[in-house]
Amino acid sequence: MHFNLRRAAAFLLLPLLGSALAVGATALPASAQTWQDTALVAFNVVQPVPSTTHGAMVQGVFSNDHHTLTFNAPSGQVFVPPATLTGQTGTFDATLTPSARQLVVTTGGSGTGTATLTFTIGSANPAITYTAKQTVNLTETNGVLAVSSASSVPSETVAVSVFNNNATGTVTFTGAFTGTGSGPLAFAQSNLPNGLVSGNPLVPGSAVPRIYTGVIYTATDALGSTFSGTFVLQVFGHLVVPPPPPGNFGNMVNPFGNGFDVFQQHQAVNAIIAGWTATQADPATHFIRLNGTVMGAFVFEYAPHGAGTGLCVSDPGYDAAGTGLTNGLVLRSCNTGPWQQFISQSNGTLRNVATGLFVNPNGTGAQLRGGTAPVSWGGSVWTWTDFAHLPG
């Protein structure tokens, strides 16, 4: 009879590729609305290319007089022989002293010219076999060293793939090596929409549901070499609507656990109000209780998940739903008229202000209706139950 909360409640936005709803991740202004993402889907993954691939770099440290330049291997890393100093021009007279943990370039004290330092950085862990080859262009002026440029190329290339987990709504990135070497890869994302946090897997958060282009992933190996590309990300989710203040959001429930229910969640004028088990999980049984204009009277606005609809429970005095019940309860556009106002009686029953009739059930699932007397079996006793006290 009722839709599942987690399906019916999710306000899914399903934009199509190529539509106006496909936007860059940073193109959206901040929104006062709050969203709950339910799933992420990544596709159109662009593989890393040389221009988006950067090898691990080791920065050299000069002595105070710039007569020596020292490269120290980072923790867990080593310099893989050979390291060379080649292509000397002019009177370049510096020399190289290599070791597994340190490379030292020392000038002769008076030379002027250029040379190229080339070395390979690797891991001290034998299970990690990829490397990065770094090139440093050096200049020497009257025995003073300087670096004119530096670059690095990793030994491996990476093919990136994504796994969209339909069960968890997450996206997991993996990389396969297509060049020399092997070892671990770590993945991160950037240019994400507000509400998502980089991670692997990338998990749903609070981003506005739509399609985002130009999102960037970066794979980083154990040495620090990086491999980047782009992908398209689709976010699914629903709008989070804060509930009304405690005490005003819930349902009128009888001793059998049945409350007001919008039949099949049909949010429309003249939709049937039936008797059905009132629960937190069923948005068809969610209502906001408002004070009426008649003393002691209340108005009940249909409010799935706490969001008012502008439709209120009414006994319009005629068969508005076409079910054959002259006083069958239905939804009507909220107003201040007596047809939508109900007063609780001292015995727990509920009477409509306009008709004077009692709100009576006729079994679970049947339309509630007005009667000249309460039903004899106790189903016409209604107690306001706050949402927090409804069963899950």
Protein backbone atom coordinates (compact mmCIF):
# COMPACT_ATOMS: atom_id res chain seq x y z
CA MET A 1 0.00 0.00 0.00
CA HIS A 2 2.86 2.35 0.79
CA PHE A 3 6.11 3.20 -0.88
CA ASN A 4 9.41 2.40 0.84
CA LEU A 5 10.71 5.45 2.69
CA ARG A 6 14.22 5.22 1.31
CA ARG A 7 12.90 5.16 -2.21
CA ALA A 8 9.95 7.47 -1.97
CA ALA A 9 11.72 9.94 0.29
CA ALA A 10 14.78 10.33 -1.87
CA PHE A 11 14.25 13.37 -4.04
CA LEU A 12 16.37 11.96 -6.85
CA LEU A 13 17.60 14.33 -9.48
CA LEU A 14 18.41 12.38 -12.63
CA PRO A 15 19.99 14.83 -15.06
CA LEU A 16 20.96 13.55 -18.48
CA LEU A 17 24.39 13.94 -19.99
CA GLY A 18 24.58 16.91 -22.26
CA SER A 19 21.75 18.67 -20.46
CA ALA A 20 21.99 22.07 -18.86
CA LEU A 21 22.33 20.36 -15.48
CA ALA A 22 25.84 19.10 -16.25
CA VAL A 23 28.05 21.73 -14.64
CA GLY A 24 31.61 22.25 -13.54
CA ALA A 25 32.23 21.26 -9.95
CA THR A 26 33.01 24.83 -8.89
CA ALA A 27 30.24 26.50 -10.89
CA LEU A 28 27.56 26.34 -8.22
CA PRO A 29 26.91 29.12 -5.70
CA ALA A 30 26.54 28.29 -2.05
CA SER A 31 23.05 27.12 -1.13
CA ALA A 32 21.12 27.50 2.10
CA GLN A 33 19.47 24.14 1.43
CA THR A 34 20.87 20.95 2.92
CA TRP A 35 21.24 17.82 0.84
CA GLN A 36 21.80 14.18 1.76
CA ASP A 37 23.60 12.29 -0.97
CA THR A 38 22.59 8.67 -1.50
CA ALA A 39 24.95 7.57 -4.29
CA LEU A 40 27.85 8.70 -6.46
CA VAL A 41 28.61 7.49 -9.98
CA ALA A 42 31.86 8.26 -11.82
CA PHE A 43 32.30 7.84 -15.57
CA ASN A 44 34.17 9.21 -18.60
CA VAL A 45 37.53 8.71 -16.87
CA VAL A 46 40.35 10.44 -18.76
CA GLN A 47 43.66 8.60 -18.37
CA PRO A 48 46.86 10.35 -17.22
CA VAL A 49 49.06 11.75 -20.00
CA PRO A 50 52.68 12.99 -19.88
CA SER A 51 51.58 16.57 -19.22
CA THR A 52 49.63 15.44 -16.13
CA THR A 53 52.30 13.01 -14.90
CA HIS A 54 55.05 14.23 -12.58
CA GLY A 55 57.89 12.16 -11.21
CA ALA A 56 59.02 12.28 -7.61
CA MET A 57 61.45 15.14 -6.92
CA VAL A 58 64.28 15.46 -4.40
CA GLN A 59 65.23 19.05 -3.62
CA GLY A 60 68.92 19.88 -3.27
CA VAL A 61 70.30 21.98 -0.42
CA PHE A 62 73.10 24.50 -1.01
CA SER A 63 75.85 25.28 1.41
CA ASN A 64 76.02 28.88 2.57
CA ASP A 65 78.67 29.73 -0.04
CA HIS A 66 76.95 27.69 -2.76
CA HIS A 67 80.11 25.66 -3.27
CA THR A 68 78.25 22.41 -2.54
CA LEU A 69 74.82 21.12 -3.44
CA THR A 70 73.53 18.13 -1.44
CA PHE A 71 70.61 15.83 -2.25
CA ASN A 72 69.40 13.69 0.65
CA ALA A 73 67.17 10.70 -0.04
CA PRO A 74 63.79 11.03 1.75
CA SER A 75 62.96 8.57 4.49
CA GLY A 76 62.42 5.10 3.09
CA GLN A 77 64.02 6.00 -0.23
CA VAL A 78 67.46 5.50 -1.77
CA PHE A 79 69.43 6.67 -4.77
CA VAL A 80 69.71 3.88 -7.32
CA PRO A 81 73.08 3.78 -9.15
CA PRO A 82 74.28 5.19 -11.38
CA ALA A 83 74.14 8.93 -10.63
CA THR A 84 75.99 10.96 -13.24
CA LEU A 85 77.23 14.48 -13.88
CA THR A 86 77.53 14.92 -17.66
CA GLY A 87 77.44 17.46 -20.48
CA GLN A 88 79.89 19.88 -18.89
CA THR A 89 80.43 23.14 -20.77
CA GLY A 90 82.98 25.91 -20.35
CA THR A 91 85.21 25.44 -17.32
CA PHE A 92 82.59 23.73 -15.18
CA ASP A 93 84.74 21.99 -12.54
CA ALA A 94 82.25 20.57 -9.99
CA THR A 95 82.38 16.88 -9.14
CA LEU A 96 79.81 14.37 -7.87
CA THR A 97 80.14 12.14 -4.82
CA PRO A 98 77.30 9.60 -4.80
CA SER A 99 76.05 7.18 -2.17
CA ALA A 100 72.80 5.33 -1.51
CA ARG A 101 71.48 8.03 0.81
CA GLN A 102 73.20 11.20 -0.38
CA LEU A 103 74.49 12.91 -3.53
CA VAL A 104 76.96 15.76 -3.13
CA VAL A 105 78.02 18.10 -5.93
CA THR A 106 81.16 20.10 -5.00
CA THR A 107 82.72 22.88 -7.08
CA GLY A 108 86.39 23.14 -7.83
CA GLY A 109 86.17 26.71 -6.66
CA SER A 110 86.61 28.74 -9.84
CA GLY A 111 84.80 27.17 -12.78
CA THR A 112 82.12 28.69 -14.98
CA GLY A 113 79.80 26.63 -17.16
CA THR A 114 76.90 24.18 -17.10
CA ALA A 115 76.33 20.48 -16.55
CA THR A 116 73.48 18.00 -16.09
CA LEU A 117 73.02 15.90 -12.95
CA THR A 118 70.99 12.75 -13.49
CA PHE A 119 69.98 10.33 -10.76
CA THR A 120 67.30 7.77 -9.98
CA ILE A 121 65.26 7.70 -6.80
CA GLY A 122 63.88 4.37 -5.62
CA SER A 123 62.40 2.72 -2.56
CA ALA A 124 64.36 1.02 0.20
CA ASN A 125 61.54 -1.53 0.24
CA PRO A 126 62.40 -4.28 -2.26
CA ALA A 127 58.70 -4.94 -2.87
CA ILE A 128 58.37 -1.47 -4.43
CA THR A 129 60.17 -1.58 -7.75
CA TYR A 130 59.10 1.57 -9.55
CA THR A 131 61.54 4.48 -9.67
CA ALA A 132 61.74 8.10 -10.78
CA LYS A 133 64.54 9.54 -12.87
CA GLN A 134 65.39 13.13 -11.98
CA THR A 135 67.33 15.55 -14.15
CA VAL A 136 68.85 18.71 -12.66
CA ASN A 137 70.44 21.35 -14.88
CA LEU A 138 73.29 23.07 -13.03
CA THR A 139 75.19 26.27 -13.64
CA GLU A 140 78.50 27.32 -12.11
CA THR A 141 79.72 30.90 -12.07
CA ASN A 142 83.21 31.47 -10.68
CA GLY A 143 82.77 28.45 -8.43
CA VAL A 144 79.24 29.30 -7.28
CA LEU A 145 76.58 26.64 -8.03
CA ALA A 146 72.96 27.23 -9.01
CA VAL A 147 70.09 25.15 -10.37
CA SER A 148 68.59 26.41 -13.61
CA SER A 149 65.84 23.76 -13.94
CA ALA A 150 64.82 20.32 -12.74
CA SER A 151 62.41 17.62 -13.92
CA SER A 152 61.54 14.04 -13.09
CA VAL A 153 59.97 11.14 -14.98
CA PRO A 154 58.51 8.07 -13.25
CA SER A 155 59.46 4.64 -14.54
CA GLU A 156 55.84 3.46 -14.54
CA THR A 157 52.67 4.52 -16.29
CA VAL A 158 49.26 4.03 -14.75
CA ALA A 159 45.88 3.05 -16.19
CA VAL A 160 43.09 4.21 -13.87
CA SER A 161 39.67 2.61 -13.49
CA VAL A 162 36.69 3.21 -11.20
CA PHE A 163 34.22 0.89 -9.50
CA ASN A 164 30.77 2.32 -8.79
CA ASN A 165 29.40 0.35 -5.85
CA ASN A 166 25.63 0.11 -6.24
CA ALA A 167 25.23 -1.23 -2.70
CA THR A 168 27.07 1.58 -0.88
CA GLY A 169 26.87 4.42 -3.41
CA THR A 170 30.65 4.90 -3.25
CA VAL A 171 33.28 5.18 -5.99
CA THR A 172 36.60 3.31 -5.66
CA PHE A 173 39.64 4.17 -7.79
CA THR A 174 42.26 1.59 -8.78
CA GLY A 175 45.37 1.76 -10.93
CA ALA A 176 47.14 -0.82 -13.08
CA PHE A 177 50.81 -0.36 -13.98
CA THR A 178 51.62 -0.48 -17.66
CA GLY A 179 55.30 0.50 -17.42
CA THR A 180 58.31 -0.62 -15.41
CA GLY A 181 57.85 -1.28 -11.71
CA SER A 182 55.13 -2.04 -9.19
CA GLY A 183 54.00 -0.91 -5.75
CA PRO A 184 51.13 0.85 -3.97
CA LEU A 185 49.11 3.78 -5.27
CA ALA A 186 47.06 6.27 -3.23
CA PHE A 187 44.14 8.15 -4.79
CA ALA A 188 42.70 11.57 -4.02
CA GLN A 189 40.27 13.89 -5.80
CA SER A 190 40.15 17.64 -6.28
CA ASN A 191 37.78 20.15 -7.84
CA LEU A 192 34.99 18.30 -6.05
CA PRO A 193 31.63 19.99 -5.47
CA ASN A 194 31.00 21.45 -2.04
CA GLY A 195 29.80 18.75 0.29
CA LEU A 196 32.15 15.98 -0.85
CA VAL A 197 35.50 15.09 0.73
CA SER A 198 38.39 13.50 -1.13
CA GLY A 199 38.97 9.84 -0.36
CA ASN A 200 39.22 6.35 -1.76
CA PRO A 201 36.54 5.27 -1.80
CA LEU A 202 34.83 8.57 -2.55
CA VAL A 203 31.70 8.52 -0.39
CA PRO A 204 28.36 10.37 -0.59
CA GLY A 205 28.14 13.57 1.40
CA SER A 206 25.97 16.67 1.07
CA ALA A 207 26.62 17.91 -2.47
CA VAL A 208 23.76 19.22 -4.61
CA PRO A 209 22.54 16.26 -6.73
CA ARG A 210 23.49 16.72 -10.40
CA ILE A 211 26.27 15.94 -12.90
CA TYR A 212 29.68 17.57 -12.38
CA THR A 213 32.35 17.77 -15.06
CA GLY A 214 36.06 18.45 -14.73
CA VAL A 215 36.53 16.63 -11.43
CA ILE A 216 40.20 15.65 -10.99
CA TYR A 217 41.69 12.46 -9.57
CA THR A 218 45.37 12.09 -8.65
CA ALA A 219 47.19 8.79 -8.11
CA THR A 220 50.37 9.08 -6.03
CA ASP A 221 52.94 6.31 -5.76
CA ALA A 222 55.11 5.57 -2.72
CA LEU A 223 57.92 7.79 -4.00
CA GLY A 224 55.69 10.80 -4.61
CA SER A 225 55.22 10.55 -8.37
CA THR A 226 51.73 11.68 -9.40
CA PHE A 227 49.39 10.75 -12.23
CA SER A 228 46.31 12.91 -12.80
CA GLY A 229 43.23 12.86 -14.99
CA THR A 230 39.61 13.99 -15.00
CA PHE A 231 36.26 12.28 -14.68
CA VAL A 232 32.57 13.12 -14.65
CA LEU A 233 30.71 12.65 -11.38
CA GLN A 234 26.98 12.23 -10.94
CA VAL A 235 25.53 12.82 -7.48
CA PHE A 236 22.18 11.38 -6.40
CA GLY A 237 20.43 12.51 -3.23
CA HIS A 238 17.49 14.23 -1.61
CA LEU A 239 16.75 17.49 0.11
CA VAL A 240 16.92 17.38 3.89
CA VAL A 241 14.02 19.21 5.45
CA PRO A 242 14.34 19.92 9.17
CA PRO A 243 11.31 18.69 11.12
CA PRO A 244 9.02 21.11 12.91
CA PRO A 245 9.66 21.80 16.60
CA PRO A 246 9.14 18.73 18.84
CA GLY A 247 5.51 18.14 19.67
CA ASN A 248 4.13 19.55 16.41
CA PHE A 249 5.25 16.76 14.06
CA GLY A 250 3.72 13.32 14.32
CA ASN A 251 0.26 11.77 13.94
CA MET A 252 -3.09 11.12 15.60
CA VAL A 253 -2.88 7.45 16.58
CA ASN A 254 -5.60 5.15 17.91
CA PRO A 255 -5.10 2.31 20.45
CA PHE A 256 -4.44 -0.13 17.59
CA GLY A 257 -1.45 1.85 16.28
CA ASN A 258 -3.28 3.19 13.23
CA GLY A 259 -3.08 6.86 12.40
CA PHE A 260 -3.98 9.27 9.64
CA ASP A 261 -2.49 8.06 6.35
CA VAL A 262 -2.38 9.65 2.91
CA PHE A 263 -3.34 6.69 0.73
CA GLN A 264 -0.33 5.66 -1.41
CA GLN A 265 1.30 9.00 -0.59
CA HIS A 266 -0.98 10.63 -3.16
CA GLN A 267 -0.13 14.26 -2.49
CA ALA A 268 -3.13 15.94 -4.10
CA VAL A 269 -6.44 17.61 -3.36
CA ASN A 270 -9.12 14.99 -2.54
CA ALA A 271 -6.54 12.27 -1.81
CA ILE A 272 -7.99 9.68 0.57
CA ILE A 273 -7.12 9.77 4.27
CA ALA A 274 -7.07 6.17 5.45
CA GLY A 275 -6.29 4.44 8.73
CA TRP A 276 -2.85 2.83 8.64
CA THR A 277 0.02 1.98 10.99
CA ALA A 278 1.78 5.26 11.84
CA THR A 279 5.58 4.96 11.77
CA GLN A 280 8.67 7.11 11.39
CA ALA A 281 9.59 5.16 8.25
CA ASP A 282 6.32 5.79 6.42
CA PRO A 283 6.08 9.41 5.17
CA ALA A 284 2.39 8.89 4.33
CA THR A 285 1.73 9.01 8.07
CA HIS A 286 3.63 12.24 8.81
CA PHE A 287 1.61 15.33 9.77
CA ILE A 288 2.15 18.74 11.33
CA ARG A 289 -0.36 19.72 14.01
CA LEU A 290 -1.37 23.38 13.85
CA ASN A 291 -3.66 25.45 16.05
CA GLY A 292 -7.04 26.12 14.47
CA THR A 293 -9.00 29.37 14.52
CA VAL A 294 -11.66 27.77 16.73
CA MET A 295 -10.71 27.50 20.40
CA GLY A 296 -9.30 24.05 21.20
CA ALA A 297 -9.29 22.96 17.56
CA PHE A 298 -6.35 21.60 15.60
CA VAL A 299 -5.53 21.40 11.90
CA PHE A 300 -3.46 18.50 10.52
CA GLU A 301 -1.21 19.33 7.55
CA TYR A 302 0.28 16.48 5.53
CA ALA A 303 4.09 16.74 5.96
CA PRO A 304 6.14 13.80 4.65
CA HIS A 305 9.56 13.89 6.38
CA GLY A 306 8.46 17.08 8.13
CA ALA A 307 7.97 19.12 4.95
CA GLY A 308 4.58 20.81 4.87
CA THR A 309 2.60 20.34 1.65
CA GLY A 310 -0.13 22.95 2.06
CA LEU A 311 -2.68 20.10 2.11
CA CYS A 312 -4.71 19.48 5.26
CA VAL A 313 -7.05 16.75 6.53
CA SER A 314 -10.66 17.71 5.89
CA ASP A 315 -14.21 16.39 6.18
CA PRO A 316 -15.68 18.46 3.33
CA GLY A 317 -19.24 17.20 3.96
CA TYR A 318 -19.53 15.44 0.59
CA ASP A 319 -17.94 12.57 -1.34
CA ALA A 320 -14.85 14.51 -2.47
CA ALA A 321 -12.76 11.40 -3.18
CA GLY A 322 -15.50 9.64 -5.17
CA THR A 323 -15.52 6.62 -2.87
CA GLY A 324 -19.20 6.79 -1.94
CA LEU A 325 -18.60 8.22 1.54
CA THR A 326 -20.39 11.52 2.09
CA ASN A 327 -18.14 12.36 5.01
CA GLY A 328 -14.97 10.55 3.98
CA LEU A 329 -11.79 12.33 5.09
CA VAL A 330 -9.57 13.71 2.32
CA LEU A 331 -6.77 16.20 1.75
CA ARG A 332 -7.77 19.75 0.80
CA SER A 333 -5.79 22.93 0.33
CA CYS A 334 -5.15 24.26 3.81
CA ASN A 335 -7.44 27.11 4.92
CA THR A 336 -9.04 28.46 8.07
CA GLY A 337 -12.46 26.93 7.45
CA PRO A 338 -14.19 24.68 10.02
CA TRP A 339 -14.09 21.62 7.71
CA GLN A 340 -10.38 21.24 8.45
CA GLN A 341 -10.58 21.81 12.20
CA PHE A 342 -10.92 19.01 14.72
CA ILE A 343 -11.42 19.10 18.51
CA SER A 344 -10.37 16.32 20.85
CA GLN A 345 -13.14 15.28 23.23
CA SER A 346 -12.74 14.37 26.91
CA ASN A 347 -13.09 10.67 26.05
CA GLY A 348 -10.27 10.87 23.47
CA THR A 349 -12.46 10.93 20.40
CA LEU A 350 -12.07 13.56 17.68
CA ARG A 351 -14.90 15.67 16.22
CA ASN A 352 -14.95 17.85 13.14
CA VAL A 353 -15.92 21.47 13.85
CA ALA A 354 -18.03 21.92 10.71
CA THR A 355 -19.95 18.63 10.73
CA GLY A 356 -19.87 17.73 14.42
CA LEU A 357 -19.13 14.15 13.34
CA PHE A 358 -16.63 11.84 15.02
CA VAL A 359 -13.57 10.64 13.08
CA ASN A 360 -14.09 6.90 12.75
CA PRO A 361 -11.99 4.10 11.25
CA ASN A 362 -13.41 1.12 9.37
CA GLY A 363 -10.46 -1.26 9.55
CA THR A 364 -6.83 -0.87 8.55
CA GLY A 365 -6.47 0.62 5.07
CA ALA A 366 -10.04 1.91 4.81
CA GLN A 367 -10.91 5.58 4.38
CA LEU A 368 -11.55 7.40 7.65
CA ARG A 369 -15.05 8.86 7.82
CA GLY A 370 -17.33 11.03 9.92
CA GLY A 371 -19.90 9.27 12.11
CA THR A 372 -22.67 10.40 14.42
CA ALA A 373 -21.13 8.28 17.21
CA PRO A 374 -17.72 6.73 17.84
CA VAL A 375 -17.24 3.07 16.89
CA SER A 376 -17.92 0.70 19.75
CA TRP A 377 -14.60 -1.16 19.63
CA GLY A 378 -12.38 1.81 20.62
CA GLY A 379 -10.88 2.71 17.25
CA SER A 380 -12.24 6.26 17.44
CA VAL A 381 -9.97 7.24 20.32
CA TRP A 382 -7.13 9.34 18.93
CA THR A 383 -3.99 10.48 20.74
CA TRP A 384 -1.47 12.89 19.33
CA THR A 385 1.87 11.07 19.13
CA ASP A 386 5.06 13.04 18.50
CA PHE A 387 7.27 11.76 15.66
CA ALA A 388 10.01 10.79 18.13
CA HIS A 389 7.60 8.39 19.82
CA LEU A 390 6.24 6.77 16.65
CA PRO A 391 7.65 3.27 16.01
CA GLY A 392 10.52 3.10 13.53
